[in-house]
Amino acid sequence: MQMEQLQKDMIAAMKAHDKERKDAISSVIQAVKKVAIDEGHRDDIGEELVDRVILKELKSVKEQIDSCPDERAELKAEYQFRYDVISEYAPRLLSAEEVEKILTEKYADVIAGGNKGQIMKTVMPELKGKADGKVINEVVAKLCS
């Protein structure tokens, strides 16, 4: 996802007087800018950084939804709307089958060793941000057994 696209969509939401959507997109933009400044990429914000922050924000909002008590329906609905808006911008993650295919093709020699920790250490740099960590862990556990 491009930072420019997020900003254009936020402006469109402002023009449409859609405050909730604007707030959700704005929170993502602010998080991206904060991470960019922290990592020293203030002027050059790449797609990889934006995607990484979007996934982190998505996870954070999902935790808010899960921890929100059921009697706070209006707050839960607000979190759900925010989750839906942010998920529109999230990159598509690899499925368990796709992760297994990548692991068996590229990392057959490491998997043959059967050391789960070594496998995870080897494959995570390539798959980070492309697949959910839990999915990768489950696939690696399945291949090791």
Protein backbone atom coordinates (compact mmCIF):
# COMPACT_ATOMS: atom_id res chain seq x y z
CA MET A 1 0.00 0.00 0.00
CA GLN A 2 1.28 3.43 -0.93
CA MET A 3 1.27 6.24 1.62
CA GLU A 4 -0.12 8.58 -1.05
CA GLN A 5 -3.17 6.34 -1.50
CA LEU A 6 -3.89 6.43 2.22
CA GLN A 7 -3.69 10.21 2.20
CA LYS A 8 -5.97 10.49 -0.86
CA ASP A 9 -8.54 8.21 0.78
CA MET A 10 -8.41 10.24 3.99
CA ILE A 11 -9.05 13.44 2.02
CA ALA A 12 -11.94 11.76 0.19
CA ALA A 13 -13.45 10.71 3.53
CA MET A 14 -13.07 14.28 4.81
CA LYS A 15 -14.86 15.65 1.75
CA ALA A 16 -17.64 13.08 2.18
CA HIS A 17 -17.96 14.10 5.87
CA ASP A 18 -17.33 10.48 6.91
CA LYS A 19 -15.68 11.20 10.27
CA GLU A 20 -15.34 7.57 11.41
CA ARG A 21 -13.60 6.48 8.19
CA LYS A 22 -11.35 9.55 8.23
CA ASP A 23 -10.37 8.84 11.84
CA ALA A 24 -9.53 5.21 11.07
CA ILE A 25 -7.37 6.09 8.06
CA SER A 26 -5.80 9.00 9.92
CA SER A 27 -4.74 6.71 12.79
CA VAL A 28 -2.99 4.42 10.30
CA ILE A 29 -1.23 7.37 8.64
CA GLN A 30 -0.04 8.64 12.02
CA ALA A 31 1.26 5.20 12.99
CA VAL A 32 3.12 4.90 9.66
CA LYS A 33 4.69 8.33 10.10
CA LYS A 34 5.75 7.53 13.67
CA VAL A 35 7.42 4.26 12.65
CA ALA A 36 9.05 5.97 9.65
CA ILE A 37 10.53 8.68 11.88
CA ASP A 38 11.65 6.09 14.46
CA GLU A 39 13.44 4.11 11.75
CA GLY A 40 14.96 7.18 10.07
CA HIS A 41 12.86 7.05 6.88
CA ARG A 42 11.05 10.33 7.37
CA ASP A 43 11.04 11.36 3.69
CA ASP A 44 11.20 7.94 2.05
CA ILE A 45 8.28 5.83 3.30
CA GLY A 46 8.26 2.57 1.37
CA GLU A 47 5.42 0.15 0.72
CA GLU A 48 6.98 -2.53 2.93
CA LEU A 49 6.95 -0.19 5.93
CA VAL A 50 3.34 0.87 5.27
CA ASP A 51 2.20 -2.74 4.93
CA ARG A 52 4.01 -3.74 8.12
CA VAL A 53 2.39 -0.92 10.10
CA ILE A 54 -1.05 -1.69 8.66
CA LEU A 55 -0.75 -5.32 9.77
CA LYS A 56 0.34 -4.19 13.23
CA GLU A 57 -2.58 -1.76 13.50
CA LEU A 58 -4.97 -4.48 12.31
CA LYS A 59 -3.70 -6.81 15.01
CA SER A 60 -4.04 -4.09 17.64
CA VAL A 61 -7.64 -3.30 16.68
CA LYS A 62 -8.48 -7.03 16.64
CA GLU A 63 -7.19 -7.28 20.22
CA GLN A 64 -9.39 -4.30 21.17
CA ILE A 65 -12.43 -6.04 19.68
CA ASP A 66 -11.63 -9.30 21.49
CA SER A 67 -11.06 -7.61 24.86
CA CYS A 68 -14.10 -5.31 24.67
CA PRO A 69 -16.92 -6.47 26.98
CA ASP A 70 -20.17 -7.50 25.27
CA GLU A 71 -22.23 -4.93 27.19
CA ARG A 72 -20.26 -2.14 25.45
CA ALA A 73 -21.90 -2.80 22.07
CA GLU A 74 -21.40 0.74 20.72
CA LEU A 75 -17.68 0.65 21.48
CA LYS A 76 -17.36 -2.82 19.99
CA ALA A 77 -19.16 -1.63 16.84
CA GLU A 78 -16.75 1.32 16.60
CA TYR A 79 -13.74 -1.01 16.87
CA GLN A 80 -15.27 -3.35 14.30
CA PHE A 81 -15.80 -0.49 11.83
CA ARG A 82 -12.20 0.60 12.33
CA TYR A 83 -11.03 -2.99 11.79
CA ASP A 84 -13.04 -3.22 8.57
CA VAL A 85 -11.60 0.06 7.23
CA ILE A 86 -8.00 -0.87 8.05
CA SER A 87 -8.43 -4.38 6.60
CA GLU A 88 -9.27 -2.78 3.23
CA TYR A 89 -5.67 -1.58 3.08
CA ALA A 90 -4.00 -4.69 4.51
CA PRO A 91 -1.86 -6.74 2.14
CA ARG A 92 -3.12 -10.21 1.29
CA LEU A 93 -1.41 -12.80 3.46
CA LEU A 94 -0.29 -16.22 2.29
CA SER A 95 -2.47 -19.19 3.20
CA ALA A 96 -1.18 -22.24 5.07
CA GLU A 97 -0.98 -24.18 1.80
CA GLU A 98 1.07 -21.45 0.13
CA VAL A 99 3.41 -21.25 3.12
CA GLU A 100 3.87 -25.03 3.10
CA LYS A 101 4.64 -24.97 -0.63
CA ILE A 102 7.30 -22.26 -0.16
CA LEU A 103 8.86 -24.10 2.77
CA THR A 104 9.02 -27.46 1.01
CA GLU A 105 10.45 -25.93 -2.19
CA LYS A 106 13.02 -23.48 -0.83
CA TYR A 107 13.87 -24.81 2.61
CA ALA A 108 13.75 -28.61 2.20
CA ASP A 109 17.34 -28.94 3.47
CA VAL A 110 16.60 -27.00 6.67
CA ILE A 111 13.32 -28.86 7.26
CA ALA A 112 15.15 -32.18 6.91
CA GLY A 113 17.08 -31.28 10.06
CA GLY A 114 13.85 -31.24 12.05
CA ASN A 115 14.95 -28.42 14.36
CA LYS A 116 11.86 -26.20 14.60
CA GLY A 117 13.75 -23.24 16.06
CA GLN A 118 16.35 -23.32 13.29
CA ILE A 119 13.63 -23.58 10.64
CA MET A 120 11.72 -20.60 12.05
CA LYS A 121 14.92 -18.57 12.28
CA THR A 122 15.69 -19.33 8.64
CA VAL A 123 12.25 -18.75 7.09
CA MET A 124 10.92 -15.79 9.10
CA PRO A 125 13.02 -13.09 7.38
CA GLU A 126 11.52 -14.04 4.02
CA LEU A 127 7.94 -14.66 5.14
CA LYS A 128 7.56 -11.86 7.69
CA GLY A 129 4.78 -9.56 6.56
CA LYS A 130 3.72 -11.99 3.84
CA ALA A 131 2.11 -14.57 6.13
CA ASP A 132 0.73 -14.63 9.65
CA GLY A 133 3.31 -15.80 12.19
CA LYS A 134 0.84 -18.27 13.71
CA VAL A 135 0.23 -19.87 10.32
CA ILE A 136 3.98 -20.18 9.69
CA ASN A 137 4.47 -21.73 13.14
CA GLU A 138 1.67 -24.27 12.56
CA VAL A 139 3.04 -25.27 9.16
CA VAL A 140 6.57 -25.66 10.52
CA ALA A 141 5.27 -27.76 13.44
CA LYS A 142 3.37 -29.97 10.97
CA LEU A 143 6.45 -30.42 8.77
CA CYS A 144 8.65 -31.27 11.76
CA SER A 145 6.37 -34.00 13.04
